[in-house]
Amino acid sequence: MFEVREEIIKNAAVVPNTWGLLRLDETDTPETVVVPAGKVIVPLPVWQAQRETLTARLPDIGVWLASDERPEELAADVAQLPVIGVDFPKFTDGRGYSIAFNLRARLGFQGELRAIGDVLRDQLFSMHRVGFDAYATRPDRSIHDALKGLSVFSETYQASWDQKSPLFRRHQREGQNPDLDNAAGI
């Protein structure tokens, strides 16, 4: 099945989508499925089975990972892939957050990191914190309403991909002596 969304959220704005998404049907196999022409994000098993052919089509090929697949499977390819998608099969499935963080922090992926599947407004802020910069939200919901999910909170407490220092390290408190803290290694 080939999906094309008209719009996505990318870099905190609603923009036209230039990529199609290939999902395997029950009758498809990774080795024999035909990847359509144009910019296509293919499932990891298709990338692995047709890697030589698809590599020749870069930068018009991206790869998406299911929530039960490991980002390390793409370790050798992250530098050349322009987009990696991470599928959220259900709103309550949080494995995609770990996949995204590992792609950014451990594997150094610098391209577009797109959340696909059951992506809702309530998730966008947390998704951004772990490295997502593009979101293909559920088609039955308003994408413009979902965009508001990126700005729900004005401050974060924990360190993450988007903010390397926790809040207590970023703000000077009254009575705090930065010279003593630095000398103590704090």
Protein backbone atom coordinates (compact mmCIF):
# COMPACT_ATOMS: atom_id res chain seq x y z
CA MET A 1 0.00 0.00 0.00
CA PHE A 2 1.32 3.42 -0.93
CA GLU A 3 0.30 6.40 1.22
CA VAL A 4 0.72 10.04 0.34
CA ARG A 5 -0.27 12.74 2.81
CA GLU A 6 -0.83 16.24 1.45
CA GLU A 7 0.73 17.97 4.44
CA ILE A 8 3.00 17.18 7.36
CA ILE A 9 4.46 19.14 10.24
CA LYS A 10 8.15 19.80 9.69
CA ASN A 11 10.40 22.13 11.67
CA ALA A 12 7.38 23.46 13.60
CA ALA A 13 5.36 24.41 10.49
CA VAL A 14 2.70 22.77 8.34
CA VAL A 15 4.32 22.15 4.95
CA PRO A 16 3.50 20.20 1.77
CA ASN A 17 4.60 16.57 1.98
CA THR A 18 7.01 15.52 -0.76
CA TRP A 19 7.39 11.86 0.30
CA GLY A 20 5.21 8.80 -0.19
CA LEU A 21 5.14 5.96 2.35
CA LEU A 22 5.26 2.31 1.30
CA ARG A 23 3.62 -0.26 3.57
CA LEU A 24 3.63 -3.96 2.74
CA ASP A 25 0.31 -5.70 2.11
CA GLU A 26 -0.24 -9.31 3.17
CA THR A 27 0.62 -10.47 -0.37
CA ASP A 28 3.82 -8.41 -0.65
CA THR A 29 7.29 -9.63 0.20
CA PRO A 30 10.27 -7.34 0.84
CA GLU A 31 12.17 -8.94 -2.03
CA THR A 32 9.46 -8.58 -4.69
CA VAL A 33 7.45 -5.47 -3.81
CA VAL A 34 7.79 -2.77 -6.45
CA VAL A 35 8.95 0.53 -4.99
CA PRO A 36 7.15 3.35 -6.86
CA ALA A 37 9.08 6.11 -8.61
CA GLY A 38 9.65 9.40 -6.80
CA LYS A 39 10.49 10.08 -3.18
CA VAL A 40 9.51 7.00 -1.16
CA ILE A 41 10.01 5.95 2.46
CA VAL A 42 10.27 2.15 2.48
CA PRO A 43 10.01 -0.34 5.37
CA LEU A 44 13.32 -1.57 6.80
CA PRO A 45 12.83 -5.14 5.43
CA VAL A 46 12.42 -3.72 1.89
CA TRP A 47 15.58 -1.61 2.32
CA GLN A 48 17.49 -4.67 3.52
CA ALA A 49 16.20 -6.92 0.70
CA GLN A 50 16.62 -4.37 -2.13
CA ARG A 51 19.48 -2.28 -0.75
CA GLU A 52 21.66 -2.28 -3.88
CA THR A 53 18.83 -1.15 -6.14
CA LEU A 54 17.47 1.41 -3.68
CA THR A 55 20.89 2.89 -2.89
CA ALA A 56 21.13 3.92 -6.53
CA ARG A 57 17.95 5.99 -6.03
CA LEU A 58 19.30 8.05 -3.11
CA PRO A 59 18.46 10.79 -2.12
CA ASP A 60 14.91 9.86 -3.16
CA ILE A 61 14.67 6.88 -0.79
CA GLY A 62 14.08 6.95 2.95
CA VAL A 63 13.54 4.09 5.39
CA TRP A 64 10.99 3.63 8.16
CA LEU A 65 11.33 1.46 11.23
CA ALA A 66 8.53 -0.46 12.93
CA SER A 67 8.37 -0.10 16.70
CA ASP A 68 9.85 -3.59 17.19
CA GLU A 69 12.86 -2.98 14.93
CA ARG A 70 16.28 -1.80 16.10
CA PRO A 71 17.79 1.46 14.85
CA GLU A 72 21.22 -0.22 14.82
CA GLU A 73 20.03 -2.06 11.69
CA LEU A 74 20.59 1.26 9.88
CA ALA A 75 23.92 2.15 11.51
CA ALA A 76 25.87 1.85 8.26
CA ASP A 77 23.29 3.89 6.34
CA VAL A 78 22.34 6.85 8.54
CA ALA A 79 24.83 9.21 6.90
CA GLN A 80 23.33 8.72 3.45
CA LEU A 81 19.60 8.52 4.22
CA PRO A 82 17.76 11.85 3.88
CA VAL A 83 14.76 10.73 5.96
CA ILE A 84 14.04 8.01 8.50
CA GLY A 85 10.51 7.36 9.70
CA VAL A 86 9.53 5.71 12.96
CA ASP A 87 6.12 4.04 13.09
CA PHE A 88 3.78 4.42 16.05
CA PRO A 89 1.25 1.60 15.53
CA LYS A 90 -0.77 2.76 18.55
CA PHE A 91 -0.87 5.98 20.52
CA THR A 92 0.18 4.05 23.64
CA ASP A 93 3.26 2.42 22.06
CA GLY A 94 6.28 4.38 23.30
CA ARG A 95 9.09 2.35 21.73
CA GLY A 96 9.42 4.88 18.92
CA TYR A 97 10.70 7.48 21.38
CA SER A 98 13.69 5.28 22.23
CA ILE A 99 14.31 4.53 18.56
CA ALA A 100 14.37 8.25 17.74
CA PHE A 101 16.67 9.13 20.63
CA ASN A 102 19.09 6.36 19.65
CA LEU A 103 19.10 7.43 15.99
CA ARG A 104 20.06 10.97 16.99
CA ALA A 105 22.25 10.50 20.07
CA ARG A 106 23.99 7.19 19.43
CA LEU A 107 23.99 6.84 15.64
CA GLY A 108 24.37 10.54 14.81
CA PHE A 109 21.51 10.73 12.31
CA GLN A 110 21.16 14.32 11.09
CA GLY A 111 18.49 14.02 8.41
CA GLU A 112 14.73 14.34 8.74
CA LEU A 113 13.34 12.15 11.50
CA ARG A 114 9.63 11.62 10.87
CA ALA A 115 6.99 10.17 13.21
CA ILE A 116 4.40 8.16 11.27
CA GLY A 117 1.35 6.11 12.21
CA ASP A 118 -0.91 6.92 15.16
CA VAL A 119 0.64 10.35 15.78
CA LEU A 120 -1.49 12.79 17.80
CA ARG A 121 -1.14 16.33 19.14
CA ASP A 122 -0.48 15.16 22.70
CA GLN A 123 2.69 13.37 21.60
CA LEU A 124 4.39 16.06 19.54
CA PHE A 125 6.17 17.93 22.33
CA SER A 126 7.70 14.73 23.72
CA MET A 127 8.55 13.49 20.24
CA HIS A 128 10.42 16.70 19.52
CA ARG A 129 12.38 16.28 22.77
CA VAL A 130 13.82 12.95 21.58
CA GLY A 131 14.80 14.17 18.11
CA PHE A 132 11.79 14.11 15.80
CA ASP A 133 11.55 17.12 13.50
CA ALA A 134 8.73 15.94 11.20
CA TYR A 135 5.31 14.48 11.97
CA ALA A 136 2.77 12.77 9.72
CA THR A 137 -0.22 13.11 12.02
CA ARG A 138 -3.33 10.97 11.82
CA PRO A 139 -5.39 11.98 8.80
CA ASP A 140 -8.65 12.06 10.81
CA ARG A 141 -7.34 14.92 13.00
CA SER A 142 -6.58 18.55 12.21
CA ILE A 143 -2.90 19.00 11.40
CA HIS A 144 -3.12 22.69 12.34
CA ASP A 145 -4.49 21.78 15.76
CA ALA A 146 -1.74 19.16 16.17
CA LEU A 147 0.90 21.81 15.46
CA LYS A 148 -0.07 23.49 18.74
CA GLY A 149 1.22 20.39 20.54
CA LEU A 150 4.81 21.53 19.92
CA SER A 151 4.37 24.61 22.08
CA VAL A 152 2.34 23.29 25.03
CA PHE A 153 5.17 23.75 27.51
CA SER A 154 7.42 26.77 27.82
CA GLU A 155 10.17 25.04 29.82
CA THR A 156 11.54 21.54 30.31
CA TYR A 157 13.07 20.09 33.45
CA GLN A 158 14.96 17.07 32.12
CA ALA A 159 17.88 16.93 29.75
CA SER A 160 17.22 15.32 26.37
CA TRP A 161 18.19 15.51 22.70
CA ASP A 162 16.89 19.05 22.29
CA GLN A 163 18.20 20.40 25.63
CA LYS A 164 21.44 18.92 26.92
CA SER A 165 21.26 20.43 30.43
CA PRO A 166 18.54 19.95 33.05
CA LEU A 167 16.71 23.02 34.29
CA PHE A 168 18.69 23.34 37.54
CA ARG A 169 21.89 23.70 35.49
CA ARG A 170 20.41 26.34 33.17
CA HIS A 171 19.11 28.78 35.77
CA GLN A 172 21.02 30.70 38.40
CA ARG A 173 19.21 30.62 41.72
CA GLU A 174 19.41 33.38 44.31
CA GLY A 175 22.14 32.63 46.82
CA GLN A 176 23.91 30.22 44.49
CA ASN A 177 27.63 30.79 43.96
CA PRO A 178 28.65 29.67 40.44
CA ASP A 179 32.38 29.84 41.36
CA LEU A 180 31.93 27.33 44.20
CA ASP A 181 29.72 25.09 42.05
CA ASN A 182 32.34 25.04 39.27
CA ALA A 183 35.13 24.27 41.74
CA ALA A 184 33.09 21.39 43.14
CA GLY A 185 32.43 20.01 39.66
CA ILE A 186 28.70 20.71 39.86
